[in-house]
mmCIF file of all heavy atoms, coordinates in Angstrom:
data_MODEL
# 
_entry.id   MODEL 
# 
loop_
_atom_site.group_PDB 
_atom_site.id 
_atom_site.type_symbol 
_atom_site.label_atom_id 
_atom_site.label_alt_id 
_atom_site.label_comp_id 
_atom_site.label_asym_id 
_atom_site.label_entity_id 
_atom_site.label_seq_id 
_atom_site.pdbx_PDB_ins_code 
_atom_site.Cartn_x 
_atom_site.Cartn_y 
_atom_site.Cartn_z 
_atom_site.occupancy 
_atom_site.B_iso_or_equiv 
_atom_site.pdbx_formal_charge 
_atom_site.auth_seq_id 
_atom_site.auth_comp_id 
_atom_site.auth_asym_id 
_atom_site.auth_atom_id 
_atom_site.pdbx_PDB_model_num 
ATOM 1   N N   . MET A 1 1  ? 0.847  -1.185  0.024   1.00 0.00 ? 1  MET A N   1 
ATOM 2   C CA  . MET A 1 1  ? -0.075 0.038   -0.015  1.00 0.00 ? 1  MET A CA  1 
ATOM 3   C C   . MET A 1 1  ? 0.778  1.229   0.009   1.00 0.00 ? 1  MET A C   1 
ATOM 4   O O   . MET A 1 1  ? 0.525  2.222   -0.642  1.00 0.00 ? 1  MET A O   1 
ATOM 5   C CB  . MET A 1 1  ? -0.853 0.021   1.229   1.00 0.00 ? 1  MET A CB  1 
ATOM 6   C CG  . MET A 1 1  ? -2.096 -1.035  1.182   1.00 0.00 ? 1  MET A CG  1 
ATOM 7   S SD  . MET A 1 1  ? -3.293 -0.817  -0.227  1.00 0.00 ? 1  MET A SD  1 
ATOM 8   C CE  . MET A 1 1  ? -3.852 0.868   0.098   1.00 0.00 ? 1  MET A CE  1 
ATOM 9   N N   . GLU A 1 2  ? 2.009  1.302   0.734   1.00 0.00 ? 2  GLU A N   1 
ATOM 10  C CA  . GLU A 1 2  ? 2.729  2.420   0.771   1.00 0.00 ? 2  GLU A CA  1 
ATOM 11  C C   . GLU A 1 2  ? 3.514  2.753   -0.410  1.00 0.00 ? 2  GLU A C   1 
ATOM 12  O O   . GLU A 1 2  ? 4.061  3.879   -0.607  1.00 0.00 ? 2  GLU A O   1 
ATOM 13  C CB  . GLU A 1 2  ? 3.790  2.280   1.922   1.00 0.00 ? 2  GLU A CB  1 
ATOM 14  C CG  . GLU A 1 2  ? 3.167  2.376   3.248   1.00 0.00 ? 2  GLU A CG  1 
ATOM 15  C CD  . GLU A 1 2  ? 4.123  2.481   4.422   1.00 0.00 ? 2  GLU A CD  1 
ATOM 16  O OE1 . GLU A 1 2  ? 5.242  3.013   4.165   1.00 0.00 ? 2  GLU A OE1 1 
ATOM 17  O OE2 . GLU A 1 2  ? 3.774  2.280   5.565   1.00 0.00 ? 2  GLU A OE2 1 
ATOM 18  N N   . THR A 1 3  ? 3.467  1.849   -1.405  1.00 0.00 ? 3  THR A N   1 
ATOM 19  C CA  . THR A 1 3  ? 4.127  2.280   -2.827  1.00 0.00 ? 3  THR A CA  1 
ATOM 20  C C   . THR A 1 3  ? 3.351  3.402   -3.474  1.00 0.00 ? 3  THR A C   1 
ATOM 21  O O   . THR A 1 3  ? 3.904  4.085   -4.387  1.00 0.00 ? 3  THR A O   1 
ATOM 22  C CB  . THR A 1 3  ? 4.182  1.109   -3.714  1.00 0.00 ? 3  THR A CB  1 
ATOM 23  O OG1 . THR A 1 3  ? 2.736  0.597   -3.975  1.00 0.00 ? 3  THR A OG1 1 
ATOM 24  C CG2 . THR A 1 3  ? 4.989  -0.090  -3.231  1.00 0.00 ? 3  THR A CG2 1 
ATOM 25  N N   . ALA A 1 4  ? 2.080  3.561   -3.070  1.00 0.00 ? 4  ALA A N   1 
ATOM 26  C CA  . ALA A 1 4  ? 1.195  4.652   -3.572  1.00 0.00 ? 4  ALA A CA  1 
ATOM 27  C C   . ALA A 1 4  ? 1.878  6.012   -3.305  1.00 0.00 ? 4  ALA A C   1 
ATOM 28  O O   . ALA A 1 4  ? 1.484  6.952   -4.018  1.00 0.00 ? 4  ALA A O   1 
ATOM 29  C CB  . ALA A 1 4  ? -0.203 4.545   -3.108  1.00 0.00 ? 4  ALA A CB  1 
ATOM 30  N N   . PHE A 1 5  ? 2.450  6.158   -2.073  1.00 0.00 ? 5  PHE A N   1 
ATOM 31  C CA  . PHE A 1 5  ? 2.949  7.562   -1.902  1.00 0.00 ? 5  PHE A CA  1 
ATOM 32  C C   . PHE A 1 5  ? 4.449  7.561   -1.482  1.00 0.00 ? 5  PHE A C   1 
ATOM 33  O O   . PHE A 1 5  ? 4.919  8.750   -1.084  1.00 0.00 ? 5  PHE A O   1 
ATOM 34  C CB  . PHE A 1 5  ? 2.121  8.110   -0.692  1.00 0.00 ? 5  PHE A CB  1 
ATOM 35  C CG  . PHE A 1 5  ? 2.071  7.315   0.460   1.00 0.00 ? 5  PHE A CG  1 
ATOM 36  C CD1 . PHE A 1 5  ? 3.059  7.446   1.579   1.00 0.00 ? 5  PHE A CD1 1 
ATOM 37  C CD2 . PHE A 1 5  ? 1.077  6.359   0.728   1.00 0.00 ? 5  PHE A CD2 1 
ATOM 38  C CE1 . PHE A 1 5  ? 2.964  6.685   2.597   1.00 0.00 ? 5  PHE A CE1 1 
ATOM 39  C CE2 . PHE A 1 5  ? 0.935  5.611   1.840   1.00 0.00 ? 5  PHE A CE2 1 
ATOM 40  C CZ  . PHE A 1 5  ? 1.926  5.734   2.843   1.00 0.00 ? 5  PHE A CZ  1 
ATOM 41  N N   . ARG A 1 6  ? 5.156  6.523   -1.605  1.00 0.00 ? 6  ARG A N   1 
ATOM 42  C CA  . ARG A 1 6  ? 6.618  6.513   -1.317  1.00 0.00 ? 6  ARG A CA  1 
ATOM 43  C C   . ARG A 1 6  ? 7.382  6.933   -2.539  1.00 0.00 ? 6  ARG A C   1 
ATOM 44  O O   . ARG A 1 6  ? 6.871  6.964   -3.671  1.00 0.00 ? 6  ARG A O   1 
ATOM 45  C CB  . ARG A 1 6  ? 7.085  5.240   -0.890  1.00 0.00 ? 6  ARG A CB  1 
ATOM 46  C CG  . ARG A 1 6  ? 6.559  4.755   0.457   1.00 0.00 ? 6  ARG A CG  1 
ATOM 47  C CD  . ARG A 1 6  ? 7.422  5.397   1.603   1.00 0.00 ? 6  ARG A CD  1 
ATOM 48  N NE  . ARG A 1 6  ? 7.138  4.789   2.874   1.00 0.00 ? 6  ARG A NE  1 
ATOM 49  C CZ  . ARG A 1 6  ? 7.913  4.850   3.916   1.00 0.00 ? 6  ARG A CZ  1 
ATOM 50  N NH1 . ARG A 1 6  ? 9.072  5.538   3.807   1.00 0.00 ? 6  ARG A NH1 1 
ATOM 51  N NH2 . ARG A 1 6  ? 7.571  4.213   4.995   1.00 0.00 ? 6  ARG A NH2 1 
ATOM 52  N N   . GLY A 1 7  ? 8.566  7.523   -2.358  1.00 0.00 ? 7  GLY A N   1 
ATOM 53  C CA  . GLY A 1 7  ? 9.456  8.043   -3.400  1.00 0.00 ? 7  GLY A CA  1 
ATOM 54  C C   . GLY A 1 7  ? 10.232 6.913   -4.204  1.00 0.00 ? 7  GLY A C   1 
ATOM 55  O O   . GLY A 1 7  ? 9.874  5.718   -3.922  1.00 0.00 ? 7  GLY A O   1 
ATOM 56  N N   . ALA A 1 8  ? 11.240 7.358   -4.955  1.00 0.00 ? 8  ALA A N   1 
ATOM 57  C CA  . ALA A 1 8  ? 11.987 6.380   -5.791  1.00 0.00 ? 8  ALA A CA  1 
ATOM 58  C C   . ALA A 1 8  ? 12.853 5.415   -5.094  1.00 0.00 ? 8  ALA A C   1 
ATOM 59  O O   . ALA A 1 8  ? 13.062 4.303   -5.462  1.00 0.00 ? 8  ALA A O   1 
ATOM 60  C CB  . ALA A 1 8  ? 12.885 7.336   -6.710  1.00 0.00 ? 8  ALA A CB  1 
ATOM 61  N N   . ASN A 1 9  ? 13.309 5.831   -3.846  1.00 0.00 ? 9  ASN A N   1 
ATOM 62  C CA  . ASN A 1 9  ? 14.374 4.932   -3.150  1.00 0.00 ? 9  ASN A CA  1 
ATOM 63  C C   . ASN A 1 9  ? 13.531 4.261   -1.976  1.00 0.00 ? 9  ASN A C   1 
ATOM 64  O O   . ASN A 1 9  ? 14.104 4.182   -0.775  1.00 0.00 ? 9  ASN A O   1 
ATOM 65  C CB  . ASN A 1 9  ? 15.441 5.820   -2.568  1.00 0.00 ? 9  ASN A CB  1 
ATOM 66  C CG  . ASN A 1 9  ? 16.359 6.147   -3.611  1.00 0.00 ? 9  ASN A CG  1 
ATOM 67  O OD1 . ASN A 1 9  ? 16.284 5.781   -4.798  1.00 0.00 ? 9  ASN A OD1 1 
ATOM 68  N ND2 . ASN A 1 9  ? 17.451 6.817   -3.310  1.00 0.00 ? 9  ASN A ND2 1 
ATOM 69  N N   . TYR A 1 10 ? 12.444 3.645   -2.256  1.00 0.00 ? 10 TYR A N   1 
ATOM 70  C CA  . TYR A 1 10 ? 11.614 2.768   -1.423  1.00 0.00 ? 10 TYR A CA  1 
ATOM 71  C C   . TYR A 1 10 ? 11.699 1.412   -1.903  1.00 0.00 ? 10 TYR A C   1 
ATOM 72  O O   . TYR A 1 10 ? 11.394 1.039   -3.023  1.00 0.00 ? 10 TYR A O   1 
ATOM 73  C CB  . TYR A 1 10 ? 10.234 3.344   -1.372  1.00 0.00 ? 10 TYR A CB  1 
ATOM 74  C CG  . TYR A 1 10 ? 9.092  2.422   -0.597  1.00 0.00 ? 10 TYR A CG  1 
ATOM 75  C CD1 . TYR A 1 10 ? 9.363  2.261   0.768   1.00 0.00 ? 10 TYR A CD1 1 
ATOM 76  C CD2 . TYR A 1 10 ? 8.257  1.714   -1.212  1.00 0.00 ? 10 TYR A CD2 1 
ATOM 77  C CE1 . TYR A 1 10 ? 8.437  1.534   1.513   1.00 0.00 ? 10 TYR A CE1 1 
ATOM 78  C CE2 . TYR A 1 10 ? 7.280  0.928   -0.474  1.00 0.00 ? 10 TYR A CE2 1 
ATOM 79  C CZ  . TYR A 1 10 ? 7.555  0.887   0.875   1.00 0.00 ? 10 TYR A CZ  1 
ATOM 80  O OH  . TYR A 1 10 ? 6.517  0.057   1.585   1.00 0.00 ? 10 TYR A OH  1 
ATOM 81  N N   . VAL A 1 11 ? 12.199 0.458   -0.852  1.00 0.00 ? 11 VAL A N   1 
ATOM 82  C CA  . VAL A 1 11 ? 12.148 -0.865  -1.257  1.00 0.00 ? 11 VAL A CA  1 
ATOM 83  C C   . VAL A 1 11 ? 11.415 -1.650  -0.131  1.00 0.00 ? 11 VAL A C   1 
ATOM 84  O O   . VAL A 1 11 ? 11.251 -1.165  0.978   1.00 0.00 ? 11 VAL A O   1 
ATOM 85  C CB  . VAL A 1 11 ? 13.547 -1.562  -1.297  1.00 0.00 ? 11 VAL A CB  1 
ATOM 86  C CG1 . VAL A 1 11 ? 14.254 -0.856  -2.417  1.00 0.00 ? 11 VAL A CG1 1 
ATOM 87  C CG2 . VAL A 1 11 ? 14.306 -1.440  -0.003  1.00 0.00 ? 11 VAL A CG2 1 
ATOM 88  N N   . PHE A 1 12 ? 10.894 -2.840  -0.356  1.00 0.00 ? 12 PHE A N   1 
ATOM 89  C CA  . PHE A 1 12 ? 10.050 -3.493  0.615   1.00 0.00 ? 12 PHE A CA  1 
ATOM 90  C C   . PHE A 1 12 ? 9.984  -4.937  0.233   1.00 0.00 ? 12 PHE A C   1 
ATOM 91  O O   . PHE A 1 12 ? 10.369 -5.497  -0.820  1.00 0.00 ? 12 PHE A O   1 
ATOM 92  C CB  . PHE A 1 12 ? 8.599  -2.960  0.488   1.00 0.00 ? 12 PHE A CB  1 
ATOM 93  C CG  . PHE A 1 12 ? 7.810  -2.989  -0.820  1.00 0.00 ? 12 PHE A CG  1 
ATOM 94  C CD1 . PHE A 1 12 ? 6.917  -4.177  -0.928  1.00 0.00 ? 12 PHE A CD1 1 
ATOM 95  C CD2 . PHE A 1 12 ? 8.071  -2.112  -1.804  1.00 0.00 ? 12 PHE A CD2 1 
ATOM 96  C CE1 . PHE A 1 12 ? 6.257  -4.287  -2.170  1.00 0.00 ? 12 PHE A CE1 1 
ATOM 97  C CE2 . PHE A 1 12 ? 7.366  -2.243  -2.996  1.00 0.00 ? 12 PHE A CE2 1 
ATOM 98  C CZ  . PHE A 1 12 ? 6.532  -3.265  -3.131  1.00 0.00 ? 12 PHE A CZ  1 
ATOM 99  N N   . THR A 1 13 ? 9.464  -5.827  1.313   1.00 0.00 ? 13 THR A N   1 
ATOM 100 C CA  . THR A 1 13 ? 9.423  -7.210  0.943   1.00 0.00 ? 13 THR A CA  1 
ATOM 101 C C   . THR A 1 13 ? 7.846  -7.593  0.958   1.00 0.00 ? 13 THR A C   1 
ATOM 102 O O   . THR A 1 13 ? 7.104  -7.056  1.749   1.00 0.00 ? 13 THR A O   1 
ATOM 103 C CB  . THR A 1 13 ? 10.038 -7.993  2.061   1.00 0.00 ? 13 THR A CB  1 
ATOM 104 O OG1 . THR A 1 13 ? 9.319  -7.612  3.272   1.00 0.00 ? 13 THR A OG1 1 
ATOM 105 C CG2 . THR A 1 13 ? 11.538 -7.768  2.001   1.00 0.00 ? 13 THR A CG2 1 
ATOM 106 N N   . THR A 1 14 ? 7.534  -8.538  0.037   1.00 0.00 ? 14 THR A N   1 
ATOM 107 C CA  . THR A 1 14 ? 6.168  -9.054  -0.088  1.00 0.00 ? 14 THR A CA  1 
ATOM 108 C C   . THR A 1 14 ? 6.209  -10.347 -1.049  1.00 0.00 ? 14 THR A C   1 
ATOM 109 O O   . THR A 1 14 ? 7.143  -10.363 -1.704  1.00 0.00 ? 14 THR A O   1 
ATOM 110 C CB  . THR A 1 14 ? 5.179  -8.017  -0.600  1.00 0.00 ? 14 THR A CB  1 
ATOM 111 O OG1 . THR A 1 14 ? 3.830  -8.395  -0.484  1.00 0.00 ? 14 THR A OG1 1 
ATOM 112 C CG2 . THR A 1 14 ? 5.498  -7.837  -1.996  1.00 0.00 ? 14 THR A CG2 1 
ATOM 113 N N   . PRO A 1 15 ? 5.239  -11.286 -0.877  1.00 0.00 ? 15 PRO A N   1 
ATOM 114 C CA  . PRO A 1 15 ? 5.042  -12.220 -1.719  1.00 0.00 ? 15 PRO A CA  1 
ATOM 115 C C   . PRO A 1 15 ? 4.658  -11.843 -3.163  1.00 0.00 ? 15 PRO A C   1 
ATOM 116 O O   . PRO A 1 15 ? 3.852  -10.925 -3.188  1.00 0.00 ? 15 PRO A O   1 
ATOM 117 C CB  . PRO A 1 15 ? 3.952  -13.190 -1.066  1.00 0.00 ? 15 PRO A CB  1 
ATOM 118 C CG  . PRO A 1 15 ? 3.955  -12.713 0.437   1.00 0.00 ? 15 PRO A CG  1 
ATOM 119 C CD  . PRO A 1 15 ? 4.244  -11.203 0.449   1.00 0.00 ? 15 PRO A CD  1 
ATOM 120 N N   . PRO A 1 16 ? 5.076  -12.411 -4.179  1.00 0.00 ? 16 PRO A N   1 
ATOM 121 C CA  . PRO A 1 16 ? 4.782  -12.026 -5.591  1.00 0.00 ? 16 PRO A CA  1 
ATOM 122 C C   . PRO A 1 16 ? 3.332  -12.085 -5.791  1.00 0.00 ? 16 PRO A C   1 
ATOM 123 O O   . PRO A 1 16 ? 2.690  -11.233 -6.470  1.00 0.00 ? 16 PRO A O   1 
ATOM 124 C CB  . PRO A 1 16 ? 5.541  -13.036 -6.379  1.00 0.00 ? 16 PRO A CB  1 
ATOM 125 C CG  . PRO A 1 16 ? 6.645  -13.351 -5.518  1.00 0.00 ? 16 PRO A CG  1 
ATOM 126 C CD  . PRO A 1 16 ? 6.256  -13.420 -4.148  1.00 0.00 ? 16 PRO A CD  1 
ATOM 127 N N   . ALA A 1 17 ? 2.616  -13.101 -5.039  1.00 0.00 ? 17 ALA A N   1 
ATOM 128 C CA  . ALA A 1 17 ? 1.038  -13.138 -5.301  1.00 0.00 ? 17 ALA A CA  1 
ATOM 129 C C   . ALA A 1 17 ? 0.320  -11.942 -4.851  1.00 0.00 ? 17 ALA A C   1 
ATOM 130 O O   . ALA A 1 17 ? -0.752 -11.589 -5.357  1.00 0.00 ? 17 ALA A O   1 
ATOM 131 C CB  . ALA A 1 17 ? 0.674  -14.439 -4.536  1.00 0.00 ? 17 ALA A CB  1 
ATOM 132 N N   . LEU A 1 18 ? 0.853  -11.350 -3.754  1.00 0.00 ? 18 LEU A N   1 
ATOM 133 C CA  . LEU A 1 18 ? 0.282  -10.023 -3.183  1.00 0.00 ? 18 LEU A CA  1 
ATOM 134 C C   . LEU A 1 18 ? 0.331  -8.943  -4.262  1.00 0.00 ? 18 LEU A C   1 
ATOM 135 O O   . LEU A 1 18 ? -0.546 -8.123  -4.314  1.00 0.00 ? 18 LEU A O   1 
ATOM 136 C CB  . LEU A 1 18 ? 0.857  -9.764  -1.893  1.00 0.00 ? 18 LEU A CB  1 
ATOM 137 C CG  . LEU A 1 18 ? -0.046 -9.145  -0.822  1.00 0.00 ? 18 LEU A CG  1 
ATOM 138 C CD1 . LEU A 1 18 ? -1.214 -10.091 -0.526  1.00 0.00 ? 18 LEU A CD1 1 
ATOM 139 C CD2 . LEU A 1 18 ? 0.774  -8.861  0.420   1.00 0.00 ? 18 LEU A CD2 1 
ATOM 140 N N   . VAL A 1 19 ? 1.522  -8.877  -4.809  1.00 0.00 ? 19 VAL A N   1 
ATOM 141 C CA  . VAL A 1 19 ? 1.645  -7.764  -5.857  1.00 0.00 ? 19 VAL A CA  1 
ATOM 142 C C   . VAL A 1 19 ? 0.625  -7.936  -6.935  1.00 0.00 ? 19 VAL A C   1 
ATOM 143 O O   . VAL A 1 19 ? -0.036 -6.920  -7.502  1.00 0.00 ? 19 VAL A O   1 
ATOM 144 C CB  . VAL A 1 19 ? 3.139  -7.879  -6.540  1.00 0.00 ? 19 VAL A CB  1 
ATOM 145 C CG1 . VAL A 1 19 ? 3.274  -6.815  -7.646  1.00 0.00 ? 19 VAL A CG1 1 
ATOM 146 C CG2 . VAL A 1 19 ? 4.101  -7.519  -5.428  1.00 0.00 ? 19 VAL A CG2 1 
ATOM 147 N N   . LYS A 1 20 ? 0.454  -9.233  -7.348  1.00 0.00 ? 20 LYS A N   1 
ATOM 148 C CA  . LYS A 1 20 ? -0.580 -9.578  -8.494  1.00 0.00 ? 20 LYS A CA  1 
ATOM 149 C C   . LYS A 1 20 ? -1.934 -9.022  -7.967  1.00 0.00 ? 20 LYS A C   1 
ATOM 150 O O   . LYS A 1 20 ? -2.714 -8.519  -8.884  1.00 0.00 ? 20 LYS A O   1 
ATOM 151 C CB  . LYS A 1 20 ? -0.470 -10.940 -8.899  1.00 0.00 ? 20 LYS A CB  1 
ATOM 152 C CG  . LYS A 1 20 ? -1.251 -11.255 -10.066 1.00 0.00 ? 20 LYS A CG  1 
ATOM 153 C CD  . LYS A 1 20 ? -1.107 -12.765 -10.439 1.00 0.00 ? 20 LYS A CD  1 
ATOM 154 C CE  . LYS A 1 20 ? -1.886 -13.147 -11.743 1.00 0.00 ? 20 LYS A CE  1 
ATOM 155 N NZ  . LYS A 1 20 ? -1.754 -14.611 -12.139 1.00 0.00 ? 20 LYS A NZ  1 
ATOM 156 N N   . LEU A 1 21 ? -2.366 -9.374  -6.760  1.00 0.00 ? 21 LEU A N   1 
ATOM 157 C CA  . LEU A 1 21 ? -3.563 -9.106  -6.225  1.00 0.00 ? 21 LEU A CA  1 
ATOM 158 C C   . LEU A 1 21 ? -3.741 -7.571  -6.204  1.00 0.00 ? 21 LEU A C   1 
ATOM 159 O O   . LEU A 1 21 ? -4.857 -6.968  -6.507  1.00 0.00 ? 21 LEU A O   1 
ATOM 160 C CB  . LEU A 1 21 ? -3.693 -9.665  -4.753  1.00 0.00 ? 21 LEU A CB  1 
ATOM 161 C CG  . LEU A 1 21 ? -3.907 -11.177 -4.677  1.00 0.00 ? 21 LEU A CG  1 
ATOM 162 C CD1 . LEU A 1 21 ? -4.047 -11.621 -3.250  1.00 0.00 ? 21 LEU A CD1 1 
ATOM 163 C CD2 . LEU A 1 21 ? -5.226 -11.579 -5.349  1.00 0.00 ? 21 LEU A CD2 1 
ATOM 164 N N   . ALA A 1 22 ? -2.818 -6.774  -5.844  1.00 0.00 ? 22 ALA A N   1 
ATOM 165 C CA  . ALA A 1 22 ? -2.794 -5.407  -5.613  1.00 0.00 ? 22 ALA A CA  1 
ATOM 166 C C   . ALA A 1 22 ? -3.000 -4.789  -7.124  1.00 0.00 ? 22 ALA A C   1 
ATOM 167 O O   . ALA A 1 22 ? -3.821 -3.861  -7.388  1.00 0.00 ? 22 ALA A O   1 
ATOM 168 C CB  . ALA A 1 22 ? -1.552 -4.815  -5.043  1.00 0.00 ? 22 ALA A CB  1 
ATOM 169 N N   . GLN A 1 23 ? -2.308 -5.231  -8.064  1.00 0.00 ? 23 GLN A N   1 
ATOM 170 C CA  . GLN A 1 23 ? -2.303 -4.614  -9.496  1.00 0.00 ? 23 GLN A CA  1 
ATOM 171 C C   . GLN A 1 23 ? -3.726 -5.080  -10.127 1.00 0.00 ? 23 GLN A C   1 
ATOM 172 O O   . GLN A 1 23 ? -4.144 -4.346  -10.923 1.00 0.00 ? 23 GLN A O   1 
ATOM 173 C CB  . GLN A 1 23 ? -1.195 -5.299  -10.300 1.00 0.00 ? 23 GLN A CB  1 
ATOM 174 C CG  . GLN A 1 23 ? 0.236  -4.741  -9.803  1.00 0.00 ? 23 GLN A CG  1 
ATOM 175 C CD  . GLN A 1 23 ? 1.339  -5.438  -10.470 1.00 0.00 ? 23 GLN A CD  1 
ATOM 176 O OE1 . GLN A 1 23 ? 1.276  -6.464  -11.163 1.00 0.00 ? 23 GLN A OE1 1 
ATOM 177 N NE2 . GLN A 1 23 ? 2.430  -4.664  -10.464 1.00 0.00 ? 23 GLN A NE2 1 
ATOM 178 N N   . ASN A 1 24 ? -4.398 -6.175  -9.604  1.00 0.00 ? 24 ASN A N   1 
ATOM 179 C CA  . ASN A 1 24 ? -5.736 -6.430  -10.160 1.00 0.00 ? 24 ASN A CA  1 
ATOM 180 C C   . ASN A 1 24 ? -6.854 -6.011  -9.288  1.00 0.00 ? 24 ASN A C   1 
ATOM 181 O O   . ASN A 1 24 ? -7.985 -6.286  -9.563  1.00 0.00 ? 24 ASN A O   1 
ATOM 182 C CB  . ASN A 1 24 ? -5.677 -8.026  -10.382 1.00 0.00 ? 24 ASN A CB  1 
ATOM 183 C CG  . ASN A 1 24 ? -4.898 -8.471  -11.501 1.00 0.00 ? 24 ASN A CG  1 
ATOM 184 O OD1 . ASN A 1 24 ? -4.568 -7.839  -12.410 1.00 0.00 ? 24 ASN A OD1 1 
ATOM 185 N ND2 . ASN A 1 24 ? -4.406 -9.737  -11.292 1.00 0.00 ? 24 ASN A ND2 1 
ATOM 186 N N   . GLY A 1 25 ? -6.472 -5.266  -8.299  1.00 0.00 ? 25 GLY A N   1 
ATOM 187 C CA  . GLY A 1 25 ? -7.543 -4.809  -7.348  1.00 0.00 ? 25 GLY A CA  1 
ATOM 188 C C   . GLY A 1 25 ? -8.446 -5.885  -6.676  1.00 0.00 ? 25 GLY A C   1 
ATOM 189 O O   . GLY A 1 25 ? -9.536 -5.737  -6.475  1.00 0.00 ? 25 GLY A O   1 
ATOM 190 N N   . GLN A 1 26 ? -7.699 -7.019  -6.363  1.00 0.00 ? 26 GLN A N   1 
ATOM 191 C CA  . GLN A 1 26 ? -8.570 -8.236  -5.793  1.00 0.00 ? 26 GLN A CA  1 
ATOM 192 C C   . GLN A 1 26 ? -8.208 -8.348  -4.306  1.00 0.00 ? 26 GLN A C   1 
ATOM 193 O O   . GLN A 1 26 ? -7.273 -7.807  -3.771  1.00 0.00 ? 26 GLN A O   1 
ATOM 194 C CB  . GLN A 1 26 ? -8.088 -9.342  -6.534  1.00 0.00 ? 26 GLN A CB  1 
ATOM 195 C CG  . GLN A 1 26 ? -8.412 -9.352  -8.027  1.00 0.00 ? 26 GLN A CG  1 
ATOM 196 C CD  . GLN A 1 26 ? -8.007 -10.513 -8.815  1.00 0.00 ? 26 GLN A CD  1 
ATOM 197 O OE1 . GLN A 1 26 ? -6.932 -11.198 -8.560  1.00 0.00 ? 26 GLN A OE1 1 
ATOM 198 N NE2 . GLN A 1 26 ? -8.742 -10.994 -9.806  1.00 0.00 ? 26 GLN A NE2 1 
ATOM 199 N N   . ALA A 1 27 ? -9.119 -9.186  -3.652  1.00 0.00 ? 27 ALA A N   1 
ATOM 200 C CA  . ALA A 1 27 ? -8.961 -9.694  -2.289  1.00 0.00 ? 27 ALA A CA  1 
ATOM 201 C C   . ALA A 1 27 ? -8.908 -8.402  -1.391  1.00 0.00 ? 27 ALA A C   1 
ATOM 202 O O   . ALA A 1 27 ? -9.679 -7.609  -1.418  1.00 0.00 ? 27 ALA A O   1 
ATOM 203 C CB  . ALA A 1 27 ? -7.830 -10.584 -2.076  1.00 0.00 ? 27 ALA A CB  1 
ATOM 204 N N   . MET A 1 28 ? -7.663 -8.367  -0.473  1.00 0.00 ? 28 MET A N   1 
ATOM 205 C CA  . MET A 1 28 ? -7.607 -7.273  0.361   1.00 0.00 ? 28 MET A CA  1 
ATOM 206 C C   . MET A 1 28 ? -7.260 -5.932  -0.335  1.00 0.00 ? 28 MET A C   1 
ATOM 207 O O   . MET A 1 28 ? -7.306 -4.950  0.504   1.00 0.00 ? 28 MET A O   1 
ATOM 208 C CB  . MET A 1 28 ? -6.428 -7.514  1.444   1.00 0.00 ? 28 MET A CB  1 
ATOM 209 C CG  . MET A 1 28 ? -5.080 -7.647  0.852   1.00 0.00 ? 28 MET A CG  1 
ATOM 210 S SD  . MET A 1 28 ? -4.754 -9.239  -0.216  1.00 0.00 ? 28 MET A SD  1 
ATOM 211 C CE  . MET A 1 28 ? -4.803 -10.378 0.955   1.00 0.00 ? 28 MET A CE  1 
ATOM 212 N N   . PHE A 1 29 ? -7.112 -5.970  -1.568  1.00 0.00 ? 29 PHE A N   1 
ATOM 213 C CA  . PHE A 1 29 ? -6.996 -4.639  -2.329  1.00 0.00 ? 29 PHE A CA  1 
ATOM 214 C C   . PHE A 1 29 ? -8.171 -4.208  -3.148  1.00 0.00 ? 29 PHE A C   1 
ATOM 215 O O   . PHE A 1 29 ? -8.135 -3.250  -3.814  1.00 0.00 ? 29 PHE A O   1 
ATOM 216 C CB  . PHE A 1 29 ? -5.625 -4.717  -3.240  1.00 0.00 ? 29 PHE A CB  1 
ATOM 217 C CG  . PHE A 1 29 ? -4.501 -4.872  -2.540  1.00 0.00 ? 29 PHE A CG  1 
ATOM 218 C CD1 . PHE A 1 29 ? -3.951 -6.393  -2.523  1.00 0.00 ? 29 PHE A CD1 1 
ATOM 219 C CD2 . PHE A 1 29 ? -3.719 -3.978  -2.073  1.00 0.00 ? 29 PHE A CD2 1 
ATOM 220 C CE1 . PHE A 1 29 ? -2.725 -6.571  -1.853  1.00 0.00 ? 29 PHE A CE1 1 
ATOM 221 C CE2 . PHE A 1 29 ? -2.544 -4.255  -1.372  1.00 0.00 ? 29 PHE A CE2 1 
ATOM 222 C CZ  . PHE A 1 29 ? -2.121 -5.623  -1.211  1.00 0.00 ? 29 PHE A CZ  1 
# 
């Protein structure tokens, strides 16, 4: 969620499946 307002030098950990859900606006997103 924080990628929406963080800058260029922001890195984070997450499962790839969660990124896919976020990009498709599914489940918790």
